[in-house]
């Protein structure tokens, strides 16, 4: 216990120290939200990866999908690396950096409002982000509860309160730069932690070959007389597995807290290096998490009060027999994953609310003269006031999500599951196509907003007749034909405006 406490105290002290170190760089809006648009490839790549993979992945998804699909769940991690990291960086990285800097966009809602010349889109996008990021934040808290109770025997309520307070301190102090630096430290812990845990779990089962052999002999859920296929290449349900891969991999390209990482990177050469770093990180962390979860059936499951398997307890059950030092490492791993994702979510939420709802400045295109330009002194005062508002809102978002996590309603798990589908279903297609295709119309963006949010919410209200995972995948993929068809049928944007926006690529 002393080892666990010492490691955790050192870890938390470093997090606060980074916040203090970077606080001078967080006095302006660009400094607080984007790190001055001068964050290097290593920090950006690790910030992207640690925001991607939270305790929800390590505890919840790895346990649930590992139980359902066996070793084939490793394909989810591979998809996360190839589609969610490599392809995302190749397709979005350079163009997002250039266009958002050219039109002076600081958030995804700001991008929609300026790129498509409609401030209503900016407001709608900020509301969608707010509604679906807050429950996601609460879900991150919930993901660490069982591991903390296992490792420290500390009640869940105390854990989430302490974590939220410490995260708030370093994000409020240092903004995005503090978050990125801490993400780098937390990412290193995650890399070493997942490798050490996999080796320890396999060793406890007699090695890799013995563990795979045991898994191959387990019966099917549907027919106890048949082999379940949990050691097969594509598992017992390849189509269900494909839906999970699409949702968890393609979805990152439409999430505000993920895409925002490309706004802040320094230059194109840093994007190239960041692509490689981010992909390798995802292969190790995501691939390792789902590979580990694939052996979950070799352990006795915990049965919940409703008689169903408690998926969140599968990974903790695998780890409870590990040596104390490894358990401490696992707790730090999950704490790192949770705090990095939480920091990214609250920073995205607060900046979106501040810049896109409270201070919704009239944006002019590059080359245009702004009317009523204020002097430098007043502008600096306004910038500082915006930063203060963002810091206050960070506290507000953390308190709200903390209250939800401490008193979780029955729908929180469902809302967690559809948040990616709703956000990426609404944002992915218009954002990606808006970077490449001059023909995207304002009406098509509105149509995609209604499509993504409408499909996932209606499906939830009807009791999920479509599996939420598959519904999210449909929402994301369906957004592309929606934007394309509506763009062909509706009024085009002014050609001169579009030319000015796309001049950044010349």
Protein backbone atom coordinates (compact mmCIF):
# COMPACT_ATOMS: atom_id res chain seq x y z
CA UNK A 1 0.00 0.00 0.00
CA UNK A 2 2.90 2.36 0.76
CA UNK A 3 4.30 1.75 -2.73
CA UNK A 4 0.93 2.46 -4.32
CA UNK A 5 0.42 5.66 -2.35
CA UNK A 6 3.95 6.96 -2.99
CA UNK A 7 3.73 6.37 -6.74
CA UNK A 8 0.34 8.05 -6.92
CA UNK A 9 1.44 11.07 -4.85
CA UNK A 10 4.53 11.56 -7.05
CA UNK A 11 2.40 11.26 -10.18
CA UNK A 12 -0.14 13.83 -8.98
CA UNK A 13 2.59 16.21 -7.80
CA UNK A 14 4.15 16.14 -11.27
CA UNK A 15 0.78 16.94 -12.86
CA UNK A 16 0.32 20.02 -10.66
CA UNK A 17 3.95 21.05 -11.22
CA UNK A 18 3.43 21.06 -14.98
CA UNK A 19 0.38 23.28 -14.55
CA UNK A 20 2.42 25.78 -12.54
CA UNK A 21 5.27 25.65 -15.07
CA UNK A 22 3.03 26.44 -18.06
CA UNK A 23 0.71 29.01 -16.47
CA UNK A 24 2.52 32.00 -18.04
CA UNK A 25 1.74 30.66 -21.53
CA UNK A 26 -2.00 30.56 -20.83
CA UNK A 27 -2.81 34.28 -20.59
CA UNK A 28 -4.32 34.67 -24.09
CA UNK A 29 -7.08 32.69 -25.79
CA UNK A 30 -4.71 31.15 -28.36
CA UNK A 31 -2.27 30.31 -25.58
CA UNK A 32 -4.91 28.80 -23.31
CA UNK A 33 -6.88 26.88 -25.97
CA UNK A 34 -4.22 26.04 -28.59
CA UNK A 35 -0.87 26.41 -26.84
CA UNK A 36 -0.05 29.33 -29.14
CA UNK A 37 -0.38 26.99 -32.16
CA UNK A 38 3.23 25.97 -31.47
CA UNK A 39 2.98 22.51 -29.89
CA UNK A 40 5.54 20.02 -31.22
CA UNK A 41 4.93 16.59 -32.78
CA UNK A 42 5.67 14.46 -29.70
CA UNK A 43 3.38 16.44 -27.40
CA UNK A 44 0.61 16.62 -30.02
CA UNK A 45 0.82 12.92 -30.90
CA UNK A 46 0.70 11.85 -27.25
CA UNK A 47 -2.10 14.36 -26.53
CA UNK A 48 -4.07 12.82 -29.41
CA UNK A 49 -3.45 9.27 -28.21
CA UNK A 50 -4.14 9.82 -24.52
CA UNK A 51 -7.34 11.75 -25.31
CA UNK A 52 -8.38 8.85 -27.54
CA UNK A 53 -7.83 6.02 -25.05
CA UNK A 54 -9.35 6.60 -21.62
CA UNK A 55 -10.37 4.35 -18.76
CA UNK A 56 -13.55 3.71 -20.73
CA UNK A 57 -11.44 1.81 -23.28
CA UNK A 58 -9.16 0.02 -20.81
CA UNK A 59 -11.84 -1.00 -18.30
CA UNK A 60 -15.17 -0.92 -20.16
CA UNK A 61 -14.64 -1.56 -23.85
CA UNK A 62 -11.70 -3.98 -23.50
CA UNK A 63 -13.68 -6.06 -21.01
CA UNK A 64 -16.98 -5.98 -22.88
CA UNK A 65 -15.70 -6.54 -26.42
CA UNK A 66 -12.99 -8.94 -25.29
CA UNK A 67 -15.73 -11.05 -23.69
CA UNK A 68 -17.92 -10.91 -26.80
CA UNK A 69 -15.30 -11.43 -29.51
CA UNK A 70 -12.34 -13.08 -27.77
CA UNK A 71 -8.90 -12.50 -29.27
CA UNK A 72 -10.46 -11.08 -32.45
CA UNK A 73 -11.23 -7.94 -30.41
CA UNK A 74 -7.57 -7.06 -31.05
CA UNK A 75 -8.75 -5.97 -34.51
CA UNK A 76 -10.50 -3.05 -32.79
CA UNK A 77 -7.13 -1.81 -31.55
CA UNK A 78 -5.61 -2.31 -35.01
CA UNK A 79 -8.50 -0.34 -36.54
CA UNK A 80 -7.98 2.42 -33.97
CA UNK A 81 -4.32 2.64 -34.99
CA UNK A 82 -4.77 2.46 -38.78
CA UNK A 83 -8.05 4.40 -39.20
CA UNK A 84 -8.38 6.41 -36.00
CA UNK A 85 -4.73 7.50 -35.90
CA UNK A 86 -2.80 6.97 -39.16
CA UNK A 87 -5.63 7.80 -41.57
CA UNK A 88 -6.91 10.64 -39.37
CA UNK A 89 -3.51 12.32 -39.37
CA UNK A 90 -2.99 11.77 -43.13
CA UNK A 91 -6.45 12.98 -44.14
CA UNK A 92 -7.05 15.75 -41.61
CA UNK A 93 -3.72 16.84 -40.14
CA UNK A 94 -2.24 19.18 -42.75
CA UNK A 95 -5.49 20.56 -44.15
CA UNK A 96 -7.00 21.19 -40.71
CA UNK A 97 -3.88 23.03 -39.58
CA UNK A 98 -3.74 25.23 -42.69
CA UNK A 99 -7.43 26.09 -43.03
CA UNK A 100 -8.17 26.70 -39.34
CA UNK A 101 -5.14 28.96 -39.05
CA UNK A 102 -6.09 30.76 -42.28
CA UNK A 103 -9.67 31.50 -41.17
CA UNK A 104 -8.56 32.02 -37.53
CA UNK A 105 -10.75 29.23 -36.20
CA UNK A 106 -10.10 28.06 -32.64
CA UNK A 107 -12.86 25.45 -32.18
CA UNK A 108 -14.83 23.05 -34.38
CA UNK A 109 -18.09 25.08 -34.07
CA UNK A 110 -16.07 28.18 -34.99
CA UNK A 111 -14.86 26.32 -38.10
CA UNK A 112 -18.41 25.49 -39.19
CA UNK A 113 -19.57 29.07 -38.66
CA UNK A 114 -16.72 30.65 -40.64
CA UNK A 115 -16.14 28.00 -43.31
CA UNK A 116 -19.84 27.90 -44.23
CA UNK A 117 -20.64 31.55 -43.42
CA UNK A 118 -23.47 30.79 -40.99
CA UNK A 119 -23.24 31.72 -37.32
CA UNK A 120 -26.30 29.58 -36.65
CA UNK A 121 -24.15 26.52 -37.46
CA UNK A 122 -21.62 27.74 -34.93
CA UNK A 123 -24.27 27.93 -32.20
CA UNK A 124 -25.86 24.59 -33.12
CA UNK A 125 -22.50 22.81 -33.19
CA UNK A 126 -21.51 24.23 -29.79
CA UNK A 127 -24.80 23.04 -28.26
CA UNK A 128 -24.37 19.55 -29.74
CA UNK A 129 -20.80 19.40 -28.39
CA UNK A 130 -21.92 20.57 -24.95
CA UNK A 131 -24.82 18.09 -24.69
CA UNK A 132 -22.80 15.03 -25.68
CA UNK A 133 -19.40 15.85 -24.13
CA UNK A 134 -20.66 16.31 -20.57
CA UNK A 135 -22.06 12.75 -20.21
CA UNK A 136 -18.92 11.44 -21.89
CA UNK A 137 -16.89 13.23 -19.21
CA UNK A 138 -19.00 11.60 -16.49
CA UNK A 139 -18.36 8.23 -18.11
CA UNK A 140 -14.62 8.77 -17.82
CA UNK A 141 -15.01 9.16 -14.06
CA UNK A 142 -17.01 5.95 -13.85
CA UNK A 143 -14.34 4.01 -15.71
CA UNK A 144 -11.86 4.16 -12.85
CA UNK A 145 -14.15 3.22 -9.95
CA UNK A 146 -13.59 -0.54 -9.75
CA UNK A 147 -9.83 -0.35 -10.26
CA UNK A 148 -9.41 2.21 -7.49
CA UNK A 149 -11.53 0.15 -5.15
CA UNK A 150 -9.47 -2.92 -6.06
CA UNK A 151 -6.05 -1.27 -5.76
CA UNK A 152 -6.52 1.13 -2.85
CA UNK A 153 -9.76 0.06 -1.17
CA UNK A 154 -10.87 3.70 -1.41
CA UNK A 155 -14.56 4.39 -2.01
CA UNK A 156 -15.37 5.41 -5.57
CA UNK A 157 -16.82 8.76 -4.46
CA UNK A 158 -13.53 9.89 -2.94
CA UNK A 159 -11.60 8.80 -6.04
CA UNK A 160 -13.63 10.80 -8.52
CA UNK A 161 -13.66 13.93 -6.34
CA UNK A 162 -9.86 13.88 -5.91
CA UNK A 163 -9.27 13.21 -9.60
CA UNK A 164 -11.60 15.99 -10.71
CA UNK A 165 -10.05 18.56 -8.37
CA UNK A 166 -6.48 17.77 -9.44
CA UNK A 167 -7.39 17.76 -13.14
CA UNK A 168 -9.16 21.11 -12.74
CA UNK A 169 -6.09 22.62 -11.05
CA UNK A 170 -3.59 21.84 -13.79
CA UNK A 171 -5.95 22.59 -16.70
CA UNK A 172 -7.04 25.92 -15.18
CA UNK A 173 -3.43 26.89 -14.48
CA UNK A 174 -1.76 25.95 -17.75
CA UNK A 175 -4.50 25.40 -20.35
CA UNK A 176 -3.72 23.32 -23.43
CA UNK A 177 0.07 23.41 -23.00
CA UNK A 178 -0.20 21.94 -19.49
CA UNK A 179 -2.62 19.33 -20.81
CA UNK A 180 -0.28 18.39 -23.67
CA UNK A 181 2.80 18.12 -21.44
CA UNK A 182 0.93 16.02 -18.89
CA UNK A 183 -0.48 13.88 -21.72
CA UNK A 184 3.10 13.11 -22.76
CA UNK A 185 4.00 11.96 -19.24
CA UNK A 186 0.75 10.04 -18.90
CA UNK A 187 1.27 8.44 -22.33
CA UNK A 188 4.66 7.05 -21.31
CA UNK A 189 3.05 5.50 -18.22
CA UNK A 190 0.33 3.98 -20.42
CA UNK A 191 2.89 2.46 -22.81
CA UNK A 192 4.94 0.78 -20.09
CA UNK A 193 1.87 -0.12 -18.08
CA UNK A 194 -0.03 -1.98 -20.80
CA UNK A 195 3.05 -4.02 -21.83
CA UNK A 196 3.82 -4.99 -18.22
CA UNK A 197 0.21 -5.96 -17.48
CA UNK A 198 -0.11 -8.14 -20.60
CA UNK A 199 3.11 -9.99 -19.77
CA UNK A 200 1.98 -10.54 -16.17
CA UNK A 201 -1.50 -11.80 -17.13
CA UNK A 202 -0.14 -14.19 -19.76
CA UNK A 203 2.48 -15.45 -17.33
CA UNK A 204 -0.26 -16.20 -14.80
CA UNK A 205 -2.03 -18.33 -17.45
CA UNK A 206 1.11 -20.33 -18.27
CA UNK A 207 2.25 -18.28 -21.25
CA UNK A 208 0.73 -17.13 -24.54
CA UNK A 209 0.32 -20.59 -26.11
CA UNK A 210 -1.36 -22.03 -23.02
CA UNK A 211 -3.70 -19.03 -22.70
CA UNK A 212 -4.75 -19.23 -26.36
CA UNK A 213 -5.29 -22.99 -26.07
CA UNK A 214 -7.56 -22.50 -23.04
CA UNK A 215 -9.50 -19.83 -24.89
CA UNK A 216 -9.98 -22.05 -27.95
CA UNK A 217 -11.68 -24.73 -25.84
CA UNK A 218 -14.37 -22.46 -24.36
CA UNK A 219 -17.94 -23.18 -25.49
CA UNK A 220 -20.21 -20.84 -27.41
CA UNK A 221 -22.78 -18.76 -25.54
CA UNK A 222 -25.50 -19.92 -27.91
CA UNK A 223 -24.55 -23.65 -27.96
CA UNK A 224 -22.49 -25.03 -25.04
CA UNK A 225 -21.63 -28.14 -27.12
CA UNK A 226 -19.82 -26.08 -29.76
CA UNK A 227 -16.50 -24.24 -29.69
CA UNK A 228 -17.14 -20.51 -29.20
CA UNK A 229 -14.48 -19.37 -31.66
CA UNK A 230 -12.95 -16.99 -29.12
CA UNK A 231 -9.44 -17.82 -30.35
CA UNK A 232 -10.35 -17.53 -34.05
CA UNK A 233 -9.00 -14.82 -36.33
CA UNK A 234 -12.34 -13.00 -36.77
CA UNK A 235 -14.17 -14.36 -33.72
CA UNK A 236 -17.79 -15.47 -33.29
CA UNK A 237 -19.43 -12.33 -34.74
CA UNK A 238 -17.35 -10.67 -37.53
CA UNK A 239 -20.10 -8.19 -38.55
CA UNK A 240 -20.67 -7.03 -35.00
CA UNK A 241 -16.90 -6.65 -34.66
CA UNK A 242 -16.80 -4.53 -37.83
CA UNK A 243 -19.43 -2.15 -36.41
CA UNK A 244 -17.29 -1.61 -33.28
CA UNK A 245 -14.20 -0.97 -35.42
CA UNK A 246 -16.03 1.66 -37.51
CA UNK A 247 -17.50 3.44 -34.48
CA UNK A 248 -14.32 3.55 -32.38
CA UNK A 249 -11.95 4.25 -35.29
CA UNK A 250 -13.72 6.49 -37.78
CA UNK A 251 -15.43 8.45 -35.01
CA UNK A 252 -12.25 10.19 -33.87
CA UNK A 253 -12.21 12.27 -37.07
CA UNK A 254 -15.47 13.94 -36.04
CA UNK A 255 -14.86 14.55 -32.32
CA UNK A 256 -14.05 18.17 -31.37
CA UNK A 257 -11.53 17.22 -28.66
CA UNK A 258 -9.59 15.04 -31.13
CA UNK A 259 -9.62 17.26 -34.22
CA UNK A 260 -8.59 20.23 -32.07
CA UNK A 261 -5.13 18.70 -31.66
CA UNK A 262 -4.37 19.50 -35.32
CA UNK A 263 -5.15 23.19 -34.75
CA UNK A 264 -2.24 23.59 -32.36
CA UNK A 265 0.64 21.68 -34.00
CA UNK A 266 3.60 23.77 -35.17
CA UNK A 267 4.07 23.04 -38.90
CA UNK A 268 3.82 20.45 -41.68
CA UNK A 269 7.05 18.63 -40.80
CA UNK A 270 5.75 18.21 -37.25
CA UNK A 271 2.56 16.71 -38.69
CA UNK A 272 4.58 14.07 -40.56
CA UNK A 273 6.49 13.07 -37.43
CA UNK A 274 3.34 13.20 -35.31
CA UNK A 275 1.60 10.79 -37.71
CA UNK A 276 4.20 8.10 -37.09
CA UNK A 277 4.35 8.65 -33.32
CA UNK A 278 0.57 8.66 -32.90
CA UNK A 279 0.12 5.47 -34.95
CA UNK A 280 2.78 3.53 -33.02
CA UNK A 281 1.27 4.72 -29.73
CA UNK A 282 -2.20 3.53 -30.79
CA UNK A 283 -0.91 0.13 -31.92
CA UNK A 284 0.68 -0.49 -28.53
CA UNK A 285 -1.99 0.99 -26.23
CA UNK A 286 -5.22 0.20 -28.10
CA UNK A 287 -3.98 -3.09 -29.52
CA UNK A 288 -2.68 -4.06 -26.08
CA UNK A 289 -5.92 -3.15 -24.28
CA UNK A 290 -8.16 -5.19 -26.57
CA UNK A 291 -5.66 -8.08 -26.77
CA UNK A 292 -5.67 -8.19 -22.96
CA UNK A 293 -9.46 -8.04 -22.85
CA UNK A 294 -9.62 -11.01 -25.23
CA UNK A 295 -8.50 -13.32 -22.39
CA UNK A 296 -11.31 -12.11 -20.09
CA UNK A 297 -13.24 -15.39 -20.41
CA UNK A 298 -10.44 -17.23 -18.64
CA UNK A 299 -11.56 -15.50 -15.43
CA UNK A 300 -14.79 -15.83 -13.48
CA UNK A 301 -17.13 -12.95 -14.35
CA UNK A 302 -18.91 -10.82 -11.79
CA UNK A 303 -22.69 -11.04 -12.07
CA UNK A 304 -24.58 -7.77 -11.57
CA UNK A 305 -27.85 -7.40 -9.62
CA UNK A 306 -29.86 -7.74 -12.85
CA UNK A 307 -28.34 -11.18 -13.48
CA UNK A 308 -26.15 -10.03 -16.36
CA UNK A 309 -22.37 -10.02 -16.57
CA UNK A 310 -20.80 -6.82 -15.19
CA UNK A 311 -18.48 -6.08 -18.09
CA UNK A 312 -16.69 -3.31 -16.20
CA UNK A 313 -15.53 -5.88 -13.65
CA UNK A 314 -13.84 -8.21 -16.15
CA UNK A 315 -10.52 -6.39 -16.48
CA UNK A 316 -10.24 -5.69 -12.70
CA UNK A 317 -10.87 -9.43 -12.09
CA UNK A 318 -7.93 -10.20 -14.37
CA UNK A 319 -5.64 -7.83 -12.47
CA UNK A 320 -6.57 -8.45 -8.84
CA UNK A 321 -4.03 -11.27 -8.44
CA UNK A 322 -1.09 -9.25 -9.77
CA UNK A 323 1.80 -8.13 -7.50
CA UNK A 324 1.25 -4.86 -5.62
CA UNK A 325 3.76 -2.94 -7.76
CA UNK A 326 1.94 -3.95 -10.94
CA UNK A 327 -1.44 -3.08 -9.44
CA UNK A 328 -0.04 0.36 -8.59
CA UNK A 329 1.17 0.67 -12.19
CA UNK A 330 -2.27 -0.32 -13.48
CA UNK A 331 -3.95 2.28 -11.26
CA UNK A 332 -1.56 4.94 -12.59
CA UNK A 333 -2.21 3.72 -16.12
CA UNK A 334 -5.96 4.12 -15.74
CA UNK A 335 -5.58 7.38 -13.82
CA UNK A 336 -3.35 8.71 -16.63
CA UNK A 337 -5.82 7.68 -19.31
CA UNK A 338 -8.73 9.18 -17.37
CA UNK A 339 -7.12 12.50 -16.45
CA UNK A 340 -5.79 13.12 -19.97
CA UNK A 341 -9.19 12.47 -21.56
CA UNK A 342 -10.99 14.47 -18.86
CA UNK A 343 -8.65 17.44 -19.35
CA UNK A 344 -9.21 17.39 -23.10
CA UNK A 345 -13.00 17.17 -22.73
CA UNK A 346 -13.40 20.00 -20.22
CA UNK A 347 -11.02 22.27 -22.15
CA UNK A 348 -12.96 21.61 -25.37
CA UNK A 349 -16.31 22.18 -23.66
CA UNK A 350 -15.28 25.42 -21.94
CA UNK A 351 -13.61 26.91 -25.01
CA UNK A 352 -16.61 26.03 -27.19
CA UNK A 353 -19.09 27.62 -24.77
CA UNK A 354 -16.94 30.73 -24.29
CA UNK A 355 -15.92 31.41 -27.89
CA UNK A 356 -19.01 30.15 -29.73
CA UNK A 357 -21.89 31.10 -27.42
CA UNK A 358 -20.87 33.76 -24.88
CA UNK A 359 -18.32 35.74 -26.96
CA UNK A 360 -19.48 35.01 -30.48
CA UNK A 361 -17.36 37.57 -32.33
CA UNK A 362 -18.23 38.50 -35.89
CA UNK A 363 -15.65 36.75 -38.06
CA UNK A 364 -14.22 38.27 -41.24
CA UNK A 365 -12.43 36.30 -43.94
CA UNK A 366 -8.66 36.70 -44.56
CA UNK A 367 -7.97 39.88 -46.48
CA UNK A 368 -11.14 41.62 -45.36
CA UNK A 369 -11.06 44.70 -43.11
CA UNK A 370 -12.98 44.23 -39.88
CA UNK A 371 -15.45 46.97 -39.04
CA UNK A 372 -15.04 48.72 -35.74
CA UNK A 373 -11.62 47.25 -34.93
CA UNK A 374 -10.74 47.88 -31.28
CA UNK A 375 -7.33 49.07 -30.09
CA UNK A 376 -4.68 46.74 -28.70
CA UNK A 377 -5.29 47.59 -25.04
CA UNK A 378 -9.00 46.83 -25.21
CA UNK A 379 -8.33 43.69 -27.27
CA UNK A 380 -5.87 42.41 -24.66
CA UNK A 381 -8.43 43.06 -21.91
CA UNK A 382 -11.09 41.13 -23.85
CA UNK A 383 -8.69 38.24 -24.40
CA UNK A 384 -7.94 37.99 -20.68
CA UNK A 385 -11.63 38.18 -19.84
CA UNK A 386 -12.34 35.27 -22.21
CA UNK A 387 -9.63 33.20 -20.52
CA UNK A 388 -11.17 33.95 -17.11
CA UNK A 389 -14.60 32.85 -18.37
CA UNK A 390 -13.11 29.63 -19.76
CA UNK A 391 -11.47 28.87 -16.41
CA UNK A 392 -14.78 29.41 -14.62
CA UNK A 393 -16.58 27.18 -17.11
CA UNK A 394 -13.98 24.43 -16.64
CA UNK A 395 -14.97 24.33 -12.98
CA UNK A 396 -18.65 24.34 -13.98
CA UNK A 397 -18.25 21.43 -16.42
CA UNK A 398 -16.23 19.39 -13.94
CA UNK A 399 -18.80 19.94 -11.19
CA UNK A 400 -21.71 18.98 -13.47
CA UNK A 401 -20.00 15.84 -14.75
CA UNK A 402 -18.92 14.98 -11.21
CA UNK A 403 -22.52 15.21 -9.98
CA UNK A 404 -23.64 12.91 -12.80
CA UNK A 405 -20.84 10.45 -12.01
CA UNK A 406 -21.70 10.42 -8.29
CA UNK A 407 -25.42 9.93 -8.96
CA UNK A 408 -25.51 8.17 -12.33
CA UNK A 409 -29.00 7.96 -13.86
CA UNK A 410 -29.98 4.79 -15.66
CA UNK A 411 -29.52 6.37 -19.08
CA UNK A 412 -25.91 7.48 -18.59
CA UNK A 413 -24.47 4.24 -19.97
CA UNK A 414 -26.70 4.49 -23.03
CA UNK A 415 -25.87 8.16 -23.54
CA UNK A 416 -22.16 7.34 -23.19
CA UNK A 417 -22.55 4.74 -25.91
CA UNK A 418 -24.29 7.06 -28.37
CA UNK A 419 -22.20 10.19 -27.69
CA UNK A 420 -19.56 9.22 -30.25
CA UNK A 421 -22.23 8.31 -32.79
CA UNK A 422 -24.11 11.57 -32.31
CA UNK A 423 -21.05 13.84 -32.34
CA UNK A 424 -19.21 12.15 -35.20
CA UNK A 425 -22.46 11.48 -37.07
CA UNK A 426 -23.16 15.22 -37.06
CA UNK A 427 -19.63 16.59 -37.51
CA UNK A 428 -17.49 14.05 -39.39
CA UNK A 429 -18.78 14.35 -42.96
CA UNK A 430 -19.21 18.15 -43.16
CA UNK A 431 -15.87 18.78 -41.46
CA UNK A 432 -13.86 16.38 -43.62
CA UNK A 433 -15.59 17.27 -46.89
CA UNK A 434 -15.41 20.96 -45.98
CA UNK A 435 -11.61 20.70 -45.97
CA UNK A 436 -11.48 19.15 -49.45
CA UNK A 437 -14.58 19.98 -51.49
CA UNK A 438 -15.54 23.51 -52.46
CA UNK A 439 -19.06 22.38 -53.32
CA UNK A 440 -20.27 21.68 -49.77
CA UNK A 441 -23.29 23.90 -49.07
CA UNK A 442 -24.47 25.42 -45.80
CA UNK A 443 -27.77 23.54 -46.06
CA UNK A 444 -25.93 20.21 -46.32
CA UNK A 445 -24.15 20.88 -43.02
CA UNK A 446 -27.49 21.56 -41.31
CA UNK A 447 -28.88 18.35 -42.85
CA UNK A 448 -25.96 16.33 -41.47
CA UNK A 449 -26.41 17.83 -38.01
CA UNK A 450 -30.05 16.71 -38.02
CA UNK A 451 -29.10 13.32 -39.45
CA UNK A 452 -26.37 12.44 -36.92
CA UNK A 453 -28.08 13.68 -33.78
CA UNK A 454 -31.58 12.73 -34.90
CA UNK A 455 -30.77 9.12 -35.80
CA UNK A 456 -28.92 8.33 -32.58
CA UNK A 457 -31.38 10.10 -30.26
CA UNK A 458 -34.48 8.62 -31.90
CA UNK A 459 -32.90 5.18 -31.76
CA UNK A 460 -32.26 5.64 -28.03
CA UNK A 461 -35.78 6.92 -27.32
CA UNK A 462 -37.25 3.89 -29.13
CA UNK A 463 -35.28 1.54 -26.87
CA UNK A 464 -32.34 0.96 -29.25
CA UNK A 465 -33.97 -1.23 -31.93
CA UNK A 466 -30.64 -0.81 -33.73
CA UNK A 467 -27.65 -1.76 -31.62
CA UNK A 468 -26.15 1.59 -30.42
CA UNK A 469 -22.73 0.59 -31.78
CA UNK A 470 -24.13 -0.18 -35.24
CA UNK A 471 -26.36 2.90 -35.09
CA UNK A 472 -23.33 5.09 -34.42
CA UNK A 473 -21.46 3.53 -37.35
CA UNK A 474 -24.49 4.11 -39.64
CA UNK A 475 -24.73 7.74 -38.48
CA UNK A 476 -21.07 8.39 -39.32
CA UNK A 477 -21.00 6.66 -42.71
CA UNK A 478 -24.45 7.93 -43.69
CA UNK A 479 -23.37 11.53 -43.16
CA UNK A 480 -21.25 11.45 -46.35
CA UNK A 481 -24.10 10.70 -48.81
CA UNK A 482 -26.31 13.17 -46.88
CA UNK A 483 -23.81 16.01 -47.35
CA UNK A 484 -23.14 15.05 -50.97
CA UNK A 485 -26.79 14.76 -52.03
CA UNK A 486 -27.98 17.90 -50.24
CA UNK A 487 -25.02 19.87 -51.62
CA UNK A 488 -26.03 18.90 -55.16
CA UNK A 489 -29.62 20.05 -54.60
CA UNK A 490 -29.18 23.28 -52.61
CA UNK A 491 -27.81 26.78 -53.16
CA UNK A 492 -24.04 27.02 -53.56
CA UNK A 493 -21.89 29.30 -51.42
CA UNK A 494 -20.54 32.52 -52.91
CA UNK A 495 -17.64 31.56 -55.21
CA UNK A 496 -15.43 34.46 -54.08
CA UNK A 497 -15.88 33.51 -50.42
CA UNK A 498 -14.97 29.88 -51.11
CA UNK A 499 -11.91 30.97 -53.13
CA UNK A 500 -10.66 33.10 -50.23
CA UNK A 501 -11.10 30.18 -47.79
CA UNK A 502 -9.29 27.66 -50.00
CA UNK A 503 -6.43 30.05 -50.78
CA UNK A 504 -4.62 28.59 -47.76
CA UNK A 505 -3.71 25.49 -49.81
CA UNK A 506 -2.06 27.41 -52.64
